[in-house]
Amino acid sequence: MGSPQSLASAGMAIALLGISLLAYRRHRLRRLLPLSAAFGLFVLKVGLLHLDSLYPALEQQLQLASIAAEFGMLSMIFLTLIRK
């Protein structure tokens, strides 16, 4: 279940998503795109955790989607780090 702290962290992720997209627009560094995707996936994950409280019958599906979003975040951060 989501908490107010997770909403605050999602707000910070939205701000970082905006900053990384602005930086991409200015400098055209392709390595910023996976980083932006990671921030977007984090926001998605928090949203899924909060949907769990609204739709308890979908708890397993939302938990699986949350794990997939977490794996996607880690993959995007890895891609950001290994790109030149």
PDB file of N, CA and C in Angstrom:
ATOM      1  N   MET A   1       0.835  -1.178   0.000  1.00  0.00           N
ATOM      2  CA  MET A   1       0.000   0.000   0.000  1.00  0.00           C
ATOM      3  C   MET A   1       0.882   1.244   0.000  1.00  0.00           C
ATOM      4  N   GLY A   2       0.448   2.257  -0.700  1.00  0.00           N
ATOM      5  CA  GLY A   2       1.226   3.482  -0.815  1.00  0.00           C
ATOM      6  C   GLY A   2       1.117   4.362   0.425  1.00  0.00           C
ATOM      7  N   SER A   3       2.086   5.207   0.607  1.00  0.00           N
ATOM      8  CA  SER A   3       2.114   6.100   1.761  1.00  0.00           C
ATOM      9  C   SER A   3       2.344   7.530   1.272  1.00  0.00           C
ATOM     10  N   PRO A   4       2.130   8.512   2.164  1.00  0.00           N
ATOM     11  CA  PRO A   4       2.411   9.899   1.765  1.00  0.00           C
ATOM     12  C   PRO A   4       3.877  10.101   1.385  1.00  0.00           C
ATOM     13  N   GLN A   5       4.783   9.360   2.016  1.00  0.00           N
ATOM     14  CA  GLN A   5       6.196   9.479   1.671  1.00  0.00           C
ATOM     15  C   GLN A   5       6.444   9.007   0.241  1.00  0.00           C
ATOM     16  N   SER A   6       5.740   7.959  -0.173  1.00  0.00           N
ATOM     17  CA  SER A   6       5.937   7.479  -1.539  1.00  0.00           C
ATOM     18  C   SER A   6       5.399   8.498  -2.543  1.00  0.00           C
ATOM     19  N   LEU A   7       4.325   9.203  -2.168  1.00  0.00           N
ATOM     20  CA  LEU A   7       3.826  10.259  -3.058  1.00  0.00           C
ATOM     21  C   LEU A   7       4.831  11.396  -3.173  1.00  0.00           C
ATOM     22  N   ALA A   8       5.489  11.716  -2.071  1.00  0.00           N
ATOM     23  CA  ALA A   8       6.522  12.762  -2.101  1.00  0.00           C
ATOM     24  C   ALA A   8       7.688  12.329  -2.977  1.00  0.00           C
ATOM     25  N   SER A   9       8.082  11.070  -2.869  1.00  0.00           N
ATOM     26  CA  SER A   9       9.188  10.591  -3.705  1.00  0.00           C
ATOM     27  C   SER A   9       8.775  10.538  -5.174  1.00  0.00           C
ATOM     28  N   ALA A  10       7.502  10.247  -5.447  1.00  0.00           N
ATOM     29  CA  ALA A  10       7.020  10.283  -6.835  1.00  0.00           C
ATOM     30  C   ALA A  10       7.045  11.704  -7.366  1.00  0.00           C
ATOM     31  N   GLY A  11       6.717  12.675  -6.515  1.00  0.00           N
ATOM     32  CA  GLY A  11       6.794  14.076  -6.923  1.00  0.00           C
ATOM     33  C   GLY A  11       8.219  14.469  -7.271  1.00  0.00           C
ATOM     34  N   MET A  12       9.161  13.995  -6.478  1.00  0.00           N
ATOM     35  CA  MET A  12      10.570  14.274  -6.761  1.00  0.00           C
ATOM     36  C   MET A  12      10.993  13.590  -8.067  1.00  0.00           C
ATOM     37  N   ALA A  13      10.504  12.384  -8.296  1.00  0.00           N
ATOM     38  CA  ALA A  13      10.830  11.674  -9.540  1.00  0.00           C
ATOM     39  C   ALA A  13      10.257  12.411 -10.749  1.00  0.00           C
ATOM     40  N   ILE A  14       9.061  12.992 -10.593  1.00  0.00           N
ATOM     41  CA  ILE A  14       8.472  13.770 -11.690  1.00  0.00           C
ATOM     42  C   ILE A  14       9.331  14.994 -11.985  1.00  0.00           C
ATOM     43  N   ALA A  15       9.804  15.656 -10.919  1.00  0.00           N
ATOM     44  CA  ALA A  15      10.680  16.817 -11.108  1.00  0.00           C
ATOM     45  C   ALA A  15      11.974  16.402 -11.804  1.00  0.00           C
ATOM     46  N   LEU A  16      12.569  15.284 -11.382  1.00  0.00           N
ATOM     47  CA  LEU A  16      13.806  14.815 -12.009  1.00  0.00           C
ATOM     48  C   LEU A  16      13.578  14.370 -13.447  1.00  0.00           C
ATOM     49  N   LEU A  17      12.412  13.811 -13.709  1.00  0.00           N
ATOM     50  CA  LEU A  17      12.052  13.437 -15.082  1.00  0.00           C
ATOM     51  C   LEU A  17      12.017  14.692 -15.954  1.00  0.00           C
ATOM     52  N   GLY A  18      11.381  15.736 -15.459  1.00  0.00           N
ATOM     53  CA  GLY A  18      11.323  16.992 -16.209  1.00  0.00           C
ATOM     54  C   GLY A  18      12.699  17.578 -16.447  1.00  0.00           C
ATOM     55  N   ILE A  19      13.539  17.568 -15.424  1.00  0.00           N
ATOM     56  CA  ILE A  19      14.901  18.107 -15.551  1.00  0.00           C
ATOM     57  C   ILE A  19      15.711  17.309 -16.561  1.00  0.00           C
ATOM     58  N   SER A  20      15.599  15.974 -16.498  1.00  0.00           N
ATOM     59  CA  SER A  20      16.387  15.159 -17.430  1.00  0.00           C
ATOM     60  C   SER A  20      15.896  15.332 -18.866  1.00  0.00           C
ATOM     61  N   LEU A  21      14.592  15.516 -19.059  1.00  0.00           N
ATOM     62  CA  LEU A  21      14.081  15.750 -20.410  1.00  0.00           C
ATOM     63  C   LEU A  21      14.510  17.120 -20.934  1.00  0.00           C
ATOM     64  N   LEU A  22      14.526  18.120 -20.056  1.00  0.00           N
ATOM     65  CA  LEU A  22      15.030  19.436 -20.460  1.00  0.00           C
ATOM     66  C   LEU A  22      16.511  19.379 -20.837  1.00  0.00           C
ATOM     67  N   ALA A  23      17.279  18.647 -20.039  1.00  0.00           N
ATOM     68  CA  ALA A  23      18.706  18.501 -20.335  1.00  0.00           C
ATOM     69  C   ALA A  23      18.898  17.783 -21.671  1.00  0.00           C
ATOM     70  N   TYR A  24      18.059  16.784 -21.949  1.00  0.00           N
ATOM     71  CA  TYR A  24      18.165  16.096 -23.235  1.00  0.00           C
ATOM     72  C   TYR A  24      17.844  17.059 -24.373  1.00  0.00           C
ATOM     73  N   ARG A  25      16.805  17.852 -24.197  1.00  0.00           N
ATOM     74  CA  ARG A  25      16.420  18.793 -25.242  1.00  0.00           C
ATOM     75  C   ARG A  25      17.521  19.802 -25.527  1.00  0.00           C
ATOM     76  N   ARG A  26      18.226  20.234 -24.495  1.00  0.00           N
ATOM     77  CA  ARG A  26      19.289  21.223 -24.685  1.00  0.00           C
ATOM     78  C   ARG A  26      20.557  20.636 -25.275  1.00  0.00           C
ATOM     79  N   HIS A  27      20.956  19.472 -24.781  1.00  0.00           N
ATOM     80  CA  HIS A  27      22.268  18.931 -25.133  1.00  0.00           C
ATOM     81  C   HIS A  27      22.228  17.730 -26.076  1.00  0.00           C
ATOM     82  N   ARG A  28      21.057  17.160 -26.283  1.00  0.00           N
ATOM     83  CA  ARG A  28      20.889  15.997 -27.165  1.00  0.00           C
ATOM     84  C   ARG A  28      21.793  14.822 -26.793  1.00  0.00           C
ATOM     85  N   LEU A  29      22.011  14.617 -25.506  1.00  0.00           N
ATOM     86  CA  LEU A  29      22.765  13.455 -25.052  1.00  0.00           C
ATOM     87  C   LEU A  29      21.810  12.273 -24.947  1.00  0.00           C
ATOM     88  N   ARG A  30      22.005  11.296 -25.814  1.00  0.00           N
ATOM     89  CA  ARG A  30      21.097  10.146 -25.855  1.00  0.00           C
ATOM     90  C   ARG A  30      21.115   9.337 -24.573  1.00  0.00           C
ATOM     91  N   ARG A  31      22.195   9.442 -23.809  1.00  0.00           N
ATOM     92  CA  ARG A  31      22.262   8.663 -22.571  1.00  0.00           C
ATOM     93  C   ARG A  31      21.287   9.179 -21.525  1.00  0.00           C
ATOM     94  N   LEU A  32      20.716  10.354 -21.728  1.00  0.00           N
ATOM     95  CA  LEU A  32      19.734  10.887 -20.784  1.00  0.00           C
ATOM     96  C   LEU A  32      18.349  10.264 -20.969  1.00  0.00           C
ATOM     97  N   LEU A  33      18.093   9.691 -22.126  1.00  0.00           N
ATOM     98  CA  LEU A  33      16.780   9.096 -22.371  1.00  0.00           C
ATOM     99  C   LEU A  33      16.496   7.887 -21.473  1.00  0.00           C
ATOM    100  N   PRO A  34      17.426   6.933 -21.318  1.00  0.00           N
ATOM    101  CA  PRO A  34      17.137   5.842 -20.380  1.00  0.00           C
ATOM    102  C   PRO A  34      16.972   6.328 -18.937  1.00  0.00           C
ATOM    103  N   LEU A  35      17.696   7.365 -18.584  1.00  0.00           N
ATOM    104  CA  LEU A  35      17.550   7.927 -17.244  1.00  0.00           C
ATOM    105  C   LEU A  35      16.155   8.522 -17.074  1.00  0.00           C
ATOM    106  N   SER A  36      15.673   9.217 -18.074  1.00  0.00           N
ATOM    107  CA  SER A  36      14.311   9.754 -18.038  1.00  0.00           C
ATOM    108  C   SER A  36      13.296   8.621 -17.930  1.00  0.00           C
ATOM    109  N   ALA A  37      13.532   7.553 -18.679  1.00  0.00           N
ATOM    110  CA  ALA A  37      12.632   6.402 -18.614  1.00  0.00           C
ATOM    111  C   ALA A  37      12.625   5.786 -17.216  1.00  0.00           C
ATOM    112  N   ALA A  38      13.779   5.737 -16.570  1.00  0.00           N
ATOM    113  CA  ALA A  38      13.854   5.196 -15.213  1.00  0.00           C
ATOM    114  C   ALA A  38      13.014   6.034 -14.251  1.00  0.00           C
ATOM    115  N   PHE A  39      13.091   7.350 -14.364  1.00  0.00           N
ATOM    116  CA  PHE A  39      12.278   8.218 -13.507  1.00  0.00           C
ATOM    117  C   PHE A  39      10.787   8.008 -13.795  1.00  0.00           C
ATOM    118  N   GLY A  40      10.446   7.869 -15.055  1.00  0.00           N
ATOM    119  CA  GLY A  40       9.048   7.615 -15.418  1.00  0.00           C
ATOM    120  C   GLY A  40       8.549   6.290 -14.868  1.00  0.00           C
ATOM    121  N   LEU A  41       9.391   5.270 -14.924  1.00  0.00           N
ATOM    122  CA  LEU A  41       9.005   3.966 -14.377  1.00  0.00           C
ATOM    123  C   LEU A  41       8.848   4.023 -12.862  1.00  0.00           C
ATOM    124  N   PHE A  42       9.639   4.857 -12.210  1.00  0.00           N
ATOM    125  CA  PHE A  42       9.491   5.004 -10.761  1.00  0.00           C
ATOM    126  C   PHE A  42       8.126   5.610 -10.427  1.00  0.00           C
ATOM    127  N   VAL A  43       7.732   6.613 -11.189  1.00  0.00           N
ATOM    128  CA  VAL A  43       6.411   7.223 -10.981  1.00  0.00           C
ATOM    129  C   VAL A  43       5.312   6.188 -11.220  1.00  0.00           C
ATOM    130  N   LEU A  44       5.482   5.372 -12.265  1.00  0.00           N
ATOM    131  CA  LEU A  44       4.525   4.307 -12.553  1.00  0.00           C
ATOM    132  C   LEU A  44       4.441   3.325 -11.392  1.00  0.00           C
ATOM    133  N   LYS A  45       5.584   2.945 -10.844  1.00  0.00           N
ATOM    134  CA  LYS A  45       5.615   1.990  -9.734  1.00  0.00           C
ATOM    135  C   LYS A  45       4.856   2.536  -8.528  1.00  0.00           C
ATOM    136  N   VAL A  46       5.081   3.795  -8.195  1.00  0.00           N
ATOM    137  CA  VAL A  46       4.367   4.396  -7.063  1.00  0.00           C
ATOM    138  C   VAL A  46       2.863   4.421  -7.351  1.00  0.00           C
ATOM    139  N   GLY A  47       2.506   4.745  -8.574  1.00  0.00           N
ATOM    140  CA  GLY A  47       1.089   4.728  -8.950  1.00  0.00           C
ATOM    141  C   GLY A  47       0.472   3.356  -8.783  1.00  0.00           C
ATOM    142  N   LEU A  48       1.200   2.321  -9.175  1.00  0.00           N
ATOM    143  CA  LEU A  48       0.705   0.952  -9.015  1.00  0.00           C
ATOM    144  C   LEU A  48       0.526   0.594  -7.545  1.00  0.00           C
ATOM    145  N   LEU A  49       1.442   1.046  -6.707  1.00  0.00           N
ATOM    146  CA  LEU A  49       1.317   0.765  -5.275  1.00  0.00           C
ATOM    147  C   LEU A  49       0.085   1.447  -4.684  1.00  0.00           C
ATOM    148  N   HIS A  50      -0.246   2.631  -5.173  1.00  0.00           N
ATOM    149  CA  HIS A  50      -1.431   3.327  -4.673  1.00  0.00           C
ATOM    150  C   HIS A  50      -2.718   2.753  -5.264  1.00  0.00           C
ATOM    151  N   LEU A  51      -2.664   2.176  -6.452  1.00  0.00           N
ATOM    152  CA  LEU A  51      -3.839   1.515  -7.016  1.00  0.00           C
ATOM    153  C   LEU A  51      -4.210   0.288  -6.211  1.00  0.00           C
ATOM    154  N   ASP A  52      -3.231  -0.312  -5.574  1.00  0.00           N
ATOM    155  CA  ASP A  52      -3.459  -1.488  -4.743  1.00  0.00           C
ATOM    156  C   ASP A  52      -4.487  -1.193  -3.651  1.00  0.00           C
ATOM    157  N   SER A  53      -4.450   0.004  -3.087  1.00  0.00           N
ATOM    158  CA  SER A  53      -5.409   0.351  -2.037  1.00  0.00           C
ATOM    159  C   SER A  53      -6.813   0.593  -2.613  1.00  0.00           C
ATOM    160  N   LEU A  54      -6.896   0.972  -3.885  1.00  0.00           N
ATOM    161  CA  LEU A  54      -8.199   1.201  -4.512  1.00  0.00           C
ATOM    162  C   LEU A  54      -8.824  -0.086  -5.055  1.00  0.00           C
ATOM    163  N   TYR A  55      -7.976  -0.995  -5.534  1.00  0.00           N
ATOM    164  CA  TYR A  55      -8.444  -2.241  -6.131  1.00  0.00           C
ATOM    165  C   TYR A  55      -7.765  -3.437  -5.460  1.00  0.00           C
ATOM    166  N   PRO A  56      -8.209  -3.801  -4.256  1.00  0.00           N
ATOM    167  CA  PRO A  56      -7.547  -4.899  -3.541  1.00  0.00           C
ATOM    168  C   PRO A  56      -7.636  -6.244  -4.274  1.00  0.00           C
ATOM    169  N   ALA A  57      -8.631  -6.417  -5.133  1.00  0.00           N
ATOM    170  CA  ALA A  57      -8.770  -7.683  -5.857  1.00  0.00           C
ATOM    171  C   ALA A  57      -7.635  -7.876  -6.868  1.00  0.00           C
ATOM    172  N   LEU A  58      -7.006  -6.785  -7.284  1.00  0.00           N
ATOM    173  CA  LEU A  58      -5.922  -6.855  -8.265  1.00  0.00           C
ATOM    174  C   LEU A  58      -4.545  -6.840  -7.605  1.00  0.00           C
ATOM    175  N   GLU A  59      -4.482  -7.150  -6.334  1.00  0.00           N
ATOM    176  CA  GLU A  59      -3.231  -7.022  -5.586  1.00  0.00           C
ATOM    177  C   GLU A  59      -2.081  -7.791  -6.228  1.00  0.00           C
ATOM    178  N   GLN A  60      -2.305  -9.034  -6.618  1.00  0.00           N
ATOM    179  CA  GLN A  60      -1.217  -9.834  -7.201  1.00  0.00           C
ATOM    180  C   GLN A  60      -0.751  -9.264  -8.535  1.00  0.00           C
ATOM    181  N   GLN A  61      -1.680  -8.863  -9.388  1.00  0.00           N
ATOM    182  CA  GLN A  61      -1.320  -8.322 -10.689  1.00  0.00           C
ATOM    183  C   GLN A  61      -0.567  -7.001 -10.536  1.00  0.00           C
ATOM    184  N   LEU A  62      -1.024  -6.156  -9.618  1.00  0.00           N
ATOM    185  CA  LEU A  62      -0.354  -4.876  -9.401  1.00  0.00           C
ATOM    186  C   LEU A  62       1.032  -5.070  -8.801  1.00  0.00           C
ATOM    187  N   GLN A  63       1.167  -6.073  -7.940  1.00  0.00           N
ATOM    188  CA  GLN A  63       2.480  -6.353  -7.355  1.00  0.00           C
ATOM    189  C   GLN A  63       3.443  -6.853  -8.438  1.00  0.00           C
ATOM    190  N   LEU A  64       2.965  -7.703  -9.324  1.00  0.00           N
ATOM    191  CA  LEU A  64       3.799  -8.193 -10.423  1.00  0.00           C
ATOM    192  C   LEU A  64       4.200  -7.051 -11.356  1.00  0.00           C
ATOM    193  N   ALA A  65       3.254  -6.157 -11.664  1.00  0.00           N
ATOM    194  CA  ALA A  65       3.562  -5.010 -12.512  1.00  0.00           C
ATOM    195  C   ALA A  65       4.558  -4.080 -11.823  1.00  0.00           C
ATOM    196  N   SER A  66       4.446  -3.958 -10.504  1.00  0.00           N
ATOM    197  CA  SER A  66       5.378  -3.126  -9.745  1.00  0.00           C
ATOM    198  C   SER A  66       6.792  -3.699  -9.802  1.00  0.00           C
ATOM    199  N   ILE A  67       6.900  -5.009  -9.694  1.00  0.00           N
ATOM    200  CA  ILE A  67       8.212  -5.665  -9.789  1.00  0.00           C
ATOM    201  C   ILE A  67       8.792  -5.484 -11.188  1.00  0.00           C
ATOM    202  N   ALA A  68       7.945  -5.589 -12.211  1.00  0.00           N
ATOM    203  CA  ALA A  68       8.414  -5.387 -13.587  1.00  0.00           C
ATOM    204  C   ALA A  68       8.896  -3.943 -13.787  1.00  0.00           C
ATOM    205  N   ALA A  69       8.183  -2.980 -13.203  1.00  0.00           N
ATOM    206  CA  ALA A  69       8.605  -1.578 -13.305  1.00  0.00           C
ATOM    207  C   ALA A  69       9.941  -1.372 -12.596  1.00  0.00           C
ATOM    208  N   GLU A  70      10.109  -2.037 -11.461  1.00  0.00           N
ATOM    209  CA  GLU A  70      11.373  -1.926 -10.725  1.00  0.00           C
ATOM    210  C   GLU A  70      12.534  -2.502 -11.539  1.00  0.00           C
ATOM    211  N   PHE A  71      12.310  -3.644 -12.182  1.00  0.00           N
ATOM    212  CA  PHE A  71      13.341  -4.229 -13.031  1.00  0.00           C
ATOM    213  C   PHE A  71      13.657  -3.294 -14.200  1.00  0.00           C
ATOM    214  N   GLY A  72      12.619  -2.692 -14.765  1.00  0.00           N
ATOM    215  CA  GLY A  72      12.821  -1.746 -15.860  1.00  0.00           C
ATOM    216  C   GLY A  72      13.643  -0.542 -15.425  1.00  0.00           C
ATOM    217  N   MET A  73      13.365  -0.039 -14.218  1.00  0.00           N
ATOM    218  CA  MET A  73      14.135   1.096 -13.693  1.00  0.00           C
ATOM    219  C   MET A  73      15.609   0.742 -13.597  1.00  0.00           C
ATOM    220  N   LEU A  74      15.883  -0.412 -13.006  1.00  0.00           N
ATOM    221  CA  LEU A  74      17.276  -0.836 -12.849  1.00  0.00           C
ATOM    222  C   LEU A  74      17.957  -1.024 -14.201  1.00  0.00           C
ATOM    223  N   SER A  75      17.218  -1.561 -15.162  1.00  0.00           N
ATOM    224  CA  SER A  75      17.773  -1.751 -16.508  1.00  0.00           C
ATOM    225  C   SER A  75      18.097  -0.412 -17.165  1.00  0.00           C
ATOM    226  N   MET A  76      17.219   0.549 -17.014  1.00  0.00           N
ATOM    227  CA  MET A  76      17.443   1.865 -17.616  1.00  0.00           C
ATOM    228  C   MET A  76      18.634   2.578 -16.965  1.00  0.00           C
ATOM    229  N   ILE A  77      18.763   2.449 -15.654  1.00  0.00           N
ATOM    230  CA  ILE A  77      19.912   3.057 -14.978  1.00  0.00           C
ATOM    231  C   ILE A  77      21.194   2.382 -15.436  1.00  0.00           C
ATOM    232  N   PHE A  78      21.164   1.066 -15.594  1.00  0.00           N
ATOM    233  CA  PHE A  78      22.346   0.342 -16.093  1.00  0.00           C
ATOM    234  C   PHE A  78      22.722   0.826 -17.488  1.00  0.00           C
ATOM    235  N   LEU A  79      21.709   0.966 -18.368  1.00  0.00           N
ATOM    236  CA  LEU A  79      21.985   1.463 -19.724  1.00  0.00           C
ATOM    237  C   LEU A  79      22.581   2.864 -19.705  1.00  0.00           C
ATOM    238  N   THR A  80      22.083   3.693 -18.795  1.00  0.00           N
ATOM    239  CA  THR A  80      22.638   5.043 -18.672  1.00  0.00           C
ATOM    240  C   THR A  80      24.100   5.007 -18.288  1.00  0.00           C
ATOM    241  N   LEU A  81      24.453   4.108 -17.401  1.00  0.00           N
ATOM    242  CA  LEU A  81      25.824   4.040 -16.911  1.00  0.00           C
ATOM    243  C   LEU A  81      26.795   3.482 -17.937  1.00  0.00           C
ATOM    244  N   ILE A  82      26.354   2.536 -18.756  1.00  0.00           N
ATOM    245  CA  ILE A  82      27.306   1.904 -19.681  1.00  0.00           C
ATOM    246  C   ILE A  82      27.425   2.630 -21.004  1.00  0.00           C
ATOM    247  N   ARG A  83      26.490   3.526 -21.320  1.00  0.00           N
ATOM    248  CA  ARG A  83      26.576   4.265 -22.585  1.00  0.00           C
ATOM    249  C   ARG A  83      27.642   5.339 -22.509  1.00  0.00           C
ATOM    250  N   LYS A  84      28.313   5.527 -23.632  1.00  0.00           N
ATOM    251  CA  LYS A  84      29.356   6.560 -23.695  1.00  0.00           C
ATOM    252  C   LYS A  84      28.797   7.873 -24.156  1.00  0.00           C
TER     253      LYS A  84
END
